[in-house]
């Protein structure tokens, strides 16, 4: 669309990659499409962004629930993001070191 929007990383809830394009979702419900790969954006963002799947990069600050034996993450915006089988242990370990309290029902 030819416009430039500046976002601070703390307003980004998650990113969803589709080939050479990435959708950026923000905490105010907006969605932006950029012509960059998820990998290139991941290199620019801090460690609080977790690569949980080949198609998803999640801001750990917005994870509110871990479901289905850590195969799914629920974000504060209501979106549920799949964690790939190969990433379950890594993601669980990283999230265990955040301020989340684990409550099992």
C-alpha atoms as a PDB file:
ATOM      1  CA  UNK A   1       0.000   0.000   0.000  1.00  0.00           C
ATOM      2  CA  UNK A   2       3.069   2.228   0.016  1.00  0.00           C
ATOM      3  CA  UNK A   3       2.807   3.456   3.583  1.00  0.00           C
ATOM      4  CA  UNK A   4       5.159   3.094   6.493  1.00  0.00           C
ATOM      5  CA  UNK A   5       3.883   2.420  10.002  1.00  0.00           C
ATOM      6  CA  UNK A   6       6.159   2.288  13.020  1.00  0.00           C
ATOM      7  CA  UNK A   7       5.358  -0.269  15.715  1.00  0.00           C
ATOM      8  CA  UNK A   8       7.135  -0.877  18.982  1.00  0.00           C
ATOM      9  CA  UNK A   9       7.715  -4.585  19.661  1.00  0.00           C
ATOM     10  CA  UNK A  10       5.709  -4.463  22.901  1.00  0.00           C
ATOM     11  CA  UNK A  11       2.431  -3.842  20.984  1.00  0.00           C
ATOM     12  CA  UNK A  12       2.945  -6.908  18.758  1.00  0.00           C
ATOM     13  CA  UNK A  13       1.094  -9.980  20.053  1.00  0.00           C
ATOM     14  CA  UNK A  14       2.216 -12.414  17.350  1.00  0.00           C
ATOM     15  CA  UNK A  15       3.359 -12.717  13.761  1.00  0.00           C
ATOM     16  CA  UNK A  16       2.078 -15.199  11.191  1.00  0.00           C
ATOM     17  CA  UNK A  17       4.225 -16.056   8.202  1.00  0.00           C
ATOM     18  CA  UNK A  18       2.941 -17.026   4.771  1.00  0.00           C
ATOM     19  CA  UNK A  19       5.815 -17.487   2.356  1.00  0.00           C
ATOM     20  CA  UNK A  20       7.552 -14.173   1.700  1.00  0.00           C
ATOM     21  CA  UNK A  21       4.842 -12.248   3.558  1.00  0.00           C
ATOM     22  CA  UNK A  22       4.076 -11.852   7.248  1.00  0.00           C
ATOM     23  CA  UNK A  23       0.972 -10.710   9.067  1.00  0.00           C
ATOM     24  CA  UNK A  24       1.713  -8.682  12.201  1.00  0.00           C
ATOM     25  CA  UNK A  25      -1.039  -8.697  14.847  1.00  0.00           C
ATOM     26  CA  UNK A  26      -1.131  -5.992  17.522  1.00  0.00           C
ATOM     27  CA  UNK A  27      -2.666  -5.740  20.979  1.00  0.00           C
ATOM     28  CA  UNK A  28      -5.317  -3.298  19.740  1.00  0.00           C
ATOM     29  CA  UNK A  29      -6.699  -5.833  17.239  1.00  0.00           C
ATOM     30  CA  UNK A  30      -5.027  -4.470  14.105  1.00  0.00           C
ATOM     31  CA  UNK A  31      -3.421  -6.691  11.492  1.00  0.00           C
ATOM     32  CA  UNK A  32      -0.695  -5.528   9.109  1.00  0.00           C
ATOM     33  CA  UNK A  33       0.743  -7.299   6.072  1.00  0.00           C
ATOM     34  CA  UNK A  34       4.441  -6.791   5.332  1.00  0.00           C
ATOM     35  CA  UNK A  35       6.514  -8.168   2.482  1.00  0.00           C
ATOM     36  CA  UNK A  36       9.194  -9.711   4.681  1.00  0.00           C
ATOM     37  CA  UNK A  37       9.694 -13.280   5.791  1.00  0.00           C
ATOM     38  CA  UNK A  38       8.989 -14.362   9.339  1.00  0.00           C
ATOM     39  CA  UNK A  39      12.646 -15.346   9.664  1.00  0.00           C
ATOM     40  CA  UNK A  40      13.915 -11.868   8.762  1.00  0.00           C
ATOM     41  CA  UNK A  41      11.525 -10.233  11.236  1.00  0.00           C
ATOM     42  CA  UNK A  42      12.471 -12.729  13.969  1.00  0.00           C
ATOM     43  CA  UNK A  43      16.109 -11.639  13.655  1.00  0.00           C
ATOM     44  CA  UNK A  44      15.081  -8.039  14.401  1.00  0.00           C
ATOM     45  CA  UNK A  45      12.942  -8.801  17.473  1.00  0.00           C
ATOM     46  CA  UNK A  46      13.975  -9.554  21.063  1.00  0.00           C
ATOM     47  CA  UNK A  47      14.190 -12.883  22.865  1.00  0.00           C
ATOM     48  CA  UNK A  48      10.695 -12.476  24.285  1.00  0.00           C
ATOM     49  CA  UNK A  49       9.415 -13.421  20.798  1.00  0.00           C
ATOM     50  CA  UNK A  50       9.301 -17.202  20.562  1.00  0.00           C
ATOM     51  CA  UNK A  51       9.345 -19.153  17.316  1.00  0.00           C
ATOM     52  CA  UNK A  52       6.725 -21.758  18.231  1.00  0.00           C
ATOM     53  CA  UNK A  53       6.006 -23.042  14.728  1.00  0.00           C
ATOM     54  CA  UNK A  54       7.341 -22.505  11.225  1.00  0.00           C
ATOM     55  CA  UNK A  55       4.445 -20.096  10.675  1.00  0.00           C
ATOM     56  CA  UNK A  56       4.231 -18.355  14.078  1.00  0.00           C
ATOM     57  CA  UNK A  57       6.331 -16.043  16.198  1.00  0.00           C
ATOM     58  CA  UNK A  58       4.671 -15.232  19.538  1.00  0.00           C
ATOM     59  CA  UNK A  59       5.329 -12.450  22.051  1.00  0.00           C
ATOM     60  CA  UNK A  60       5.634 -14.326  25.382  1.00  0.00           C
ATOM     61  CA  UNK A  61       4.141 -11.338  27.223  1.00  0.00           C
ATOM     62  CA  UNK A  62       0.753 -12.051  25.615  1.00  0.00           C
ATOM     63  CA  UNK A  63       0.551 -15.793  26.357  1.00  0.00           C
ATOM     64  CA  UNK A  64      -2.271 -16.313  28.859  1.00  0.00           C
ATOM     65  CA  UNK A  65      -2.789 -20.069  28.699  1.00  0.00           C
ATOM     66  CA  UNK A  66      -1.017 -23.238  27.652  1.00  0.00           C
ATOM     67  CA  UNK A  67      -3.400 -25.956  26.457  1.00  0.00           C
ATOM     68  CA  UNK A  68      -3.376 -29.539  25.232  1.00  0.00           C
ATOM     69  CA  UNK A  69      -0.102 -30.513  26.920  1.00  0.00           C
ATOM     70  CA  UNK A  70       1.567 -27.331  25.646  1.00  0.00           C
ATOM     71  CA  UNK A  71       0.605 -28.029  21.997  1.00  0.00           C
ATOM     72  CA  UNK A  72      -1.483 -24.854  21.891  1.00  0.00           C
ATOM     73  CA  UNK A  73      -0.973 -21.353  23.268  1.00  0.00           C
ATOM     74  CA  UNK A  74      -3.849 -18.983  23.950  1.00  0.00           C
ATOM     75  CA  UNK A  75      -3.012 -15.303  23.603  1.00  0.00           C
ATOM     76  CA  UNK A  76      -4.621 -12.346  25.366  1.00  0.00           C
ATOM     77  CA  UNK A  77      -6.257 -11.306  22.071  1.00  0.00           C
ATOM     78  CA  UNK A  78      -8.169 -14.617  22.054  1.00  0.00           C
ATOM     79  CA  UNK A  79      -6.178 -16.187  19.211  1.00  0.00           C
ATOM     80  CA  UNK A  80      -4.926 -19.740  19.684  1.00  0.00           C
ATOM     81  CA  UNK A  81      -1.575 -20.638  18.141  1.00  0.00           C
ATOM     82  CA  UNK A  82      -0.301 -24.163  17.481  1.00  0.00           C
ATOM     83  CA  UNK A  83       3.112 -25.195  18.809  1.00  0.00           C
ATOM     84  CA  UNK A  84       4.948 -27.633  16.557  1.00  0.00           C
ATOM     85  CA  UNK A  85       5.893 -31.037  18.007  1.00  0.00           C
ATOM     86  CA  UNK A  86       9.594 -30.272  17.689  1.00  0.00           C
ATOM     87  CA  UNK A  87       9.269 -27.009  19.613  1.00  0.00           C
ATOM     88  CA  UNK A  88       7.141 -28.182  22.589  1.00  0.00           C
ATOM     89  CA  UNK A  89      10.048 -28.786  25.002  1.00  0.00           C
ATOM     90  CA  UNK A  90      11.874 -25.602  24.033  1.00  0.00           C
ATOM     91  CA  UNK A  91       8.767 -23.414  24.259  1.00  0.00           C
ATOM     92  CA  UNK A  92       7.666 -25.005  27.553  1.00  0.00           C
ATOM     93  CA  UNK A  93      11.112 -24.409  29.031  1.00  0.00           C
ATOM     94  CA  UNK A  94      11.149 -20.774  27.957  1.00  0.00           C
ATOM     95  CA  UNK A  95       7.622 -20.110  29.196  1.00  0.00           C
ATOM     96  CA  UNK A  96       8.396 -21.802  32.542  1.00  0.00           C
ATOM     97  CA  UNK A  97      10.961 -19.030  33.111  1.00  0.00           C
ATOM     98  CA  UNK A  98       8.494 -16.194  32.511  1.00  0.00           C
ATOM     99  CA  UNK A  99       6.087 -14.711  35.037  1.00  0.00           C
ATOM    100  CA  UNK A 100       3.311 -17.155  34.134  1.00  0.00           C
ATOM    101  CA  UNK A 101       1.865 -19.187  36.973  1.00  0.00           C
ATOM    102  CA  UNK A 102       1.026 -22.755  36.016  1.00  0.00           C
ATOM    103  CA  UNK A 103      -2.400 -23.844  37.304  1.00  0.00           C
ATOM    104  CA  UNK A 104      -3.662 -27.273  36.326  1.00  0.00           C
ATOM    105  CA  UNK A 105      -7.374 -27.965  36.484  1.00  0.00           C
END
